[in-house]
Amino acid sequence: MDSHGQDEQRVVWAVVGTDIGPLMLAATPEGLVNVVFHATDAVRDRAVERLAARLGTAPVEDPEAPVLAEAIRQLRAYFAGRRHDFDLPLDWSLISGFNRQVLRELAAGVPYGSVVGYGDLAGRVGQPGGAQAVGAAMGANPLPVVVPCHRVVESDGGIGGFGGGLETKRKLLALEGVLPEPLF
C-alpha cells in the first residue's frame, strides 16, 4: 500500500526506447493496460491525461513497478529477436465488446511471423463481412505490439493501415520475417 492508501487503484507508466521509437507503457494492478507509440513528452503527457480520465486515477511514473519492468524486459527481447510472444498479464478495461473479442482472437490466434487478413479475422470471430469493423478494432487497440495488430493486413496483399504509422508496421513485420527489411 502506498502512502495514500491507493495501491489497489495505482496506475503506473514508463517510457522505453525501442527500434520503432519510444513506447509508453502503462499498467494497472490487473496488468499492462496501454502501449503508446512515438511517446515524445507531448504524446506521453496526453496519454497520461487520457488514462487518468478513463481509469479515475492519476498514473505515476514507475519503471521499476514489477509489471512494467517485466514488460520492458520482454519488449527488449522481442526487438532483439529473442522473444516471439509476450507472457504478460493484460488489463482489457480500455476496450470492450466486438473490439475486445477481435483483439483477444488476434492475440491468441495469430502467431509471430504470420499475418491474417481483416476479413479472415472477422470470420474467426463470427462476423464474416466485418473487415471494416476489424479495421476499426485494430485502430482502437490499446495494446499495440503486445496485441499484434501489425499482423493484420489486406487480403489483396496490401499492408493496410496502422495507428503507429505504416513505416512502424513495416519495421515490425520485417522484424518478424514477414517483409524484407526496409532499404532505407
Protein backbone atom coordinates (compact mmCIF):
# COMPACT_ATOMS: atom_id res chain seq x y z
CA MET A 1 0.00 0.00 0.00
CA ASP A 2 1.39 3.42 -0.86
CA SER A 3 1.44 6.42 1.46
CA HIS A 4 -2.00 7.49 0.21
CA GLY A 5 -3.62 4.08 0.68
CA GLN A 6 -4.26 3.67 -3.05
CA ASP A 7 -2.18 0.65 -4.03
CA GLU A 8 -5.21 -1.20 -5.45
CA GLN A 9 -6.00 1.75 -7.75
CA ARG A 10 -2.43 2.58 -8.75
CA VAL A 11 -1.70 3.10 -12.43
CA VAL A 12 1.99 3.20 -13.35
CA TRP A 13 3.77 4.15 -16.54
CA ALA A 14 7.22 4.20 -18.11
CA VAL A 15 8.76 5.06 -21.46
CA VAL A 16 11.09 2.58 -23.12
CA GLY A 17 13.27 3.20 -26.18
CA THR A 18 12.78 0.67 -28.99
CA ASP A 19 13.74 0.15 -32.61
CA ILE A 20 10.45 1.81 -33.59
CA GLY A 21 10.90 4.79 -31.29
CA PRO A 22 9.87 5.40 -27.69
CA LEU A 23 6.90 3.43 -26.39
CA MET A 24 4.95 4.44 -23.33
CA LEU A 25 3.73 1.50 -21.28
CA ALA A 26 1.06 1.80 -18.61
CA ALA A 27 -0.21 -0.80 -16.18
CA THR A 28 -2.85 -1.28 -13.52
CA PRO A 29 -2.77 -3.94 -10.80
CA GLU A 30 -4.53 -6.24 -13.32
CA GLY A 31 -1.77 -5.91 -15.94
CA LEU A 32 -0.49 -3.94 -18.89
CA VAL A 33 -3.30 -1.59 -19.95
CA ASN A 34 -1.80 0.67 -22.63
CA VAL A 35 1.07 0.89 -25.10
CA VAL A 36 1.53 4.23 -26.88
CA PHE A 37 3.67 4.75 -29.99
CA HIS A 38 6.00 7.70 -30.56
CA ALA A 39 5.99 8.65 -26.87
CA THR A 40 7.56 12.07 -27.02
CA ASP A 41 6.94 14.26 -23.98
CA ALA A 42 3.81 15.80 -25.52
CA VAL A 43 2.39 12.43 -26.63
CA ARG A 44 3.17 10.92 -23.24
CA ASP A 45 1.53 13.80 -21.37
CA ARG A 46 -1.67 13.45 -23.44
CA ALA A 47 -1.68 9.69 -22.88
CA VAL A 48 -1.28 10.13 -19.11
CA GLU A 49 -4.18 12.62 -19.10
CA ARG A 50 -6.40 10.21 -21.10
CA LEU A 51 -5.56 7.34 -18.77
CA ALA A 52 -6.34 9.45 -15.69
CA ALA A 53 -9.73 10.36 -17.17
CA ARG A 54 -10.54 6.78 -18.23
CA LEU A 55 -9.24 4.98 -15.16
CA GLY A 56 -10.13 7.54 -12.49
CA THR A 57 -6.66 7.91 -11.01
CA ALA A 58 -3.54 9.82 -11.99
CA PRO A 59 -0.88 7.50 -13.41
CA VAL A 60 2.54 7.63 -11.74
CA GLU A 61 5.88 7.14 -13.49
CA ASP A 62 7.41 3.97 -12.07
CA PRO A 63 9.55 1.92 -14.49
CA GLU A 64 10.55 -0.34 -11.59
CA ALA A 65 6.97 -1.48 -10.95
CA PRO A 66 7.09 -5.27 -11.44
CA VAL A 67 4.60 -5.49 -14.34
CA LEU A 68 6.34 -2.63 -16.19
CA ALA A 69 9.83 -3.96 -15.53
CA GLU A 70 8.76 -7.33 -16.93
CA ALA A 71 7.03 -5.72 -19.94
CA ILE A 72 10.18 -3.71 -20.67
CA ARG A 73 12.33 -6.84 -20.40
CA GLN A 74 10.05 -8.75 -22.79
CA LEU A 75 9.84 -5.87 -25.28
CA ARG A 76 13.63 -5.58 -25.37
CA ALA A 77 13.91 -9.33 -26.00
CA TYR A 78 11.27 -9.07 -28.76
CA PHE A 79 13.11 -6.26 -30.53
CA ALA A 80 16.38 -8.18 -30.17
CA GLY A 81 14.74 -11.17 -31.90
CA ARG A 82 14.93 -13.37 -28.78
CA ARG A 83 11.20 -13.41 -27.94
CA HIS A 84 8.33 -14.31 -30.25
CA ASP A 85 5.40 -13.83 -27.94
CA PHE A 86 4.56 -11.97 -24.78
CA ASP A 87 3.69 -13.55 -21.47
CA LEU A 88 2.23 -10.61 -19.58
CA PRO A 89 -0.97 -10.06 -17.65
CA LEU A 90 -3.19 -7.75 -19.70
CA ASP A 91 -5.85 -5.35 -18.44
CA TRP A 92 -8.52 -5.19 -21.16
CA SER A 93 -10.54 -2.44 -19.43
CA LEU A 94 -9.86 0.20 -22.12
CA ILE A 95 -11.65 -1.88 -24.78
CA SER A 96 -14.94 -3.77 -24.83
CA GLY A 97 -17.47 -5.58 -26.97
CA PHE A 98 -16.61 -6.60 -30.51
CA ASN A 99 -13.27 -4.79 -30.40
CA ARG A 100 -12.17 -6.76 -27.34
CA GLN A 101 -13.34 -10.02 -28.92
CA VAL A 102 -11.34 -9.33 -32.09
CA LEU A 103 -8.20 -8.29 -30.19
CA ARG A 104 -8.34 -11.36 -27.96
CA GLU A 105 -8.61 -13.59 -31.04
CA LEU A 106 -5.71 -11.75 -32.63
CA ALA A 107 -3.54 -12.15 -29.51
CA ALA A 108 -4.34 -15.86 -29.20
CA GLY A 109 -4.57 -16.92 -32.82
CA VAL A 110 -2.07 -15.03 -34.98
CA PRO A 111 1.46 -16.06 -34.00
CA TYR A 112 4.77 -14.32 -34.57
CA GLY A 113 5.88 -14.33 -38.18
CA SER A 114 2.40 -14.71 -39.63
CA VAL A 115 -0.34 -12.38 -40.82
CA VAL A 116 -4.10 -12.51 -41.14
CA GLY A 117 -6.47 -10.57 -43.38
CA TYR A 118 -9.03 -8.20 -41.90
CA GLY A 119 -11.84 -10.28 -43.39
CA ASP A 120 -10.34 -13.56 -42.21
CA LEU A 121 -10.10 -12.21 -38.67
CA ALA A 122 -13.72 -11.06 -38.88
CA GLY A 123 -14.72 -14.59 -39.88
CA ARG A 124 -12.82 -16.05 -36.93
CA VAL A 125 -14.99 -14.07 -34.52
CA GLY A 126 -18.22 -15.00 -36.32
CA GLN A 127 -18.65 -11.78 -38.31
CA PRO A 128 -17.98 -12.64 -41.96
CA GLY A 129 -18.08 -9.46 -43.97
CA GLY A 130 -16.90 -7.47 -40.94
CA ALA A 131 -13.49 -6.48 -42.32
CA GLN A 132 -14.10 -2.76 -41.79
CA ALA A 133 -15.19 -3.37 -38.20
CA VAL A 134 -12.00 -5.36 -37.65
CA GLY A 135 -10.03 -2.41 -39.05
CA ALA A 136 -11.75 -0.15 -36.52
CA ALA A 137 -10.87 -2.61 -33.74
CA MET A 138 -7.23 -2.54 -34.81
CA GLY A 139 -7.28 1.26 -34.69
CA ALA A 140 -8.73 1.12 -31.16
CA ASN A 141 -6.14 -1.38 -29.89
CA PRO A 142 -4.82 0.00 -26.58
CA LEU A 143 -2.01 -2.60 -26.51
CA PRO A 144 -0.23 -2.49 -29.89
CA VAL A 145 2.88 -4.62 -30.38
CA VAL A 146 1.89 -6.82 -27.41
CA VAL A 147 -1.52 -7.46 -29.02
CA PRO A 148 -0.09 -7.63 -32.55
CA CYS A 149 -2.38 -5.52 -34.73
CA HIS A 150 0.59 -5.05 -37.07
CA ARG A 151 -0.06 -8.66 -38.20
CA VAL A 152 -3.43 -7.75 -39.75
CA VAL A 153 -3.16 -6.96 -43.46
CA GLU A 154 -5.37 -6.53 -46.52
CA SER A 155 -6.50 -9.68 -48.31
CA ASP A 156 -5.11 -8.39 -51.63
CA GLY A 157 -1.60 -8.28 -50.21
CA GLY A 158 -1.63 -4.62 -49.17
CA ILE A 159 -0.18 -3.72 -45.81
CA GLY A 160 -3.31 -1.93 -44.57
CA GLY A 161 -3.35 0.91 -42.09
CA PHE A 162 -1.66 1.26 -38.73
CA GLY A 163 -2.02 3.63 -35.80
CA GLY A 164 1.74 3.77 -35.30
CA GLY A 165 2.31 4.69 -38.96
CA LEU A 166 3.00 2.48 -41.95
CA GLU A 167 6.77 2.66 -41.52
CA THR A 168 6.40 1.31 -37.99
CA LYS A 169 4.16 -1.51 -39.26
CA ARG A 170 6.72 -2.35 -41.96
CA LYS A 171 9.52 -2.46 -39.36
CA LEU A 172 7.53 -4.77 -37.07
CA LEU A 173 6.64 -7.10 -39.95
CA ALA A 174 10.29 -7.09 -41.09
CA LEU A 175 11.43 -7.92 -37.56
CA GLU A 176 9.12 -10.94 -37.64
CA GLY A 177 10.37 -12.01 -41.08
CA VAL A 178 7.11 -11.28 -42.90
CA LEU A 179 8.55 -8.46 -45.01
CA PRO A 180 12.10 -7.75 -46.15
CA GLU A 181 13.99 -5.14 -44.13
CA PRO A 182 13.35 -1.64 -45.50
CA LEU A 183 16.15 -0.48 -47.78
CA PHE A 184 16.29 2.99 -46.21
